[in-house]
């Protein structure tokens, strides 16, 4: 039996860059090349060839963008629906992270754990390193 994948030569990727100038490999790619071996470098084409992409269905209707990386990825960022963002915001409000309070804080305020005796405050003197509890009568 003949397997076409076994005789297929490695292919080069295609990436777009300004004036078809090669984008140098990053640090991690250089490290991985030393460990696992070199990959074929991508072929670089001029970004002006992407002008038809700007009016394509993928870009216009599905928000795909070109990432301008050495690998040449096209990417569509996840956009949440409005109802999901509203529910998430309401959930954060109930949980307390939206206003930096927690339900336990409300419990402590109701039960008096955060109450100070009337007329007492913590006073710190700027001229000395002493803090004192001063009660006013």
Foldseek 3Di string as FASTA:
>chain_A
DDDPVVPDDDDAAEAEDAVQDQDDDDPVLVVVCVVPNDDDFHGYDYCVVCPVVCPDCCCPPQVWDFPRDSRTDIDGDDDDDPVVVVVVVVVCVQCPVVPNDHVVVVVCVVVVVPDDPPQWDWDQDPVDRDIDIDGDD
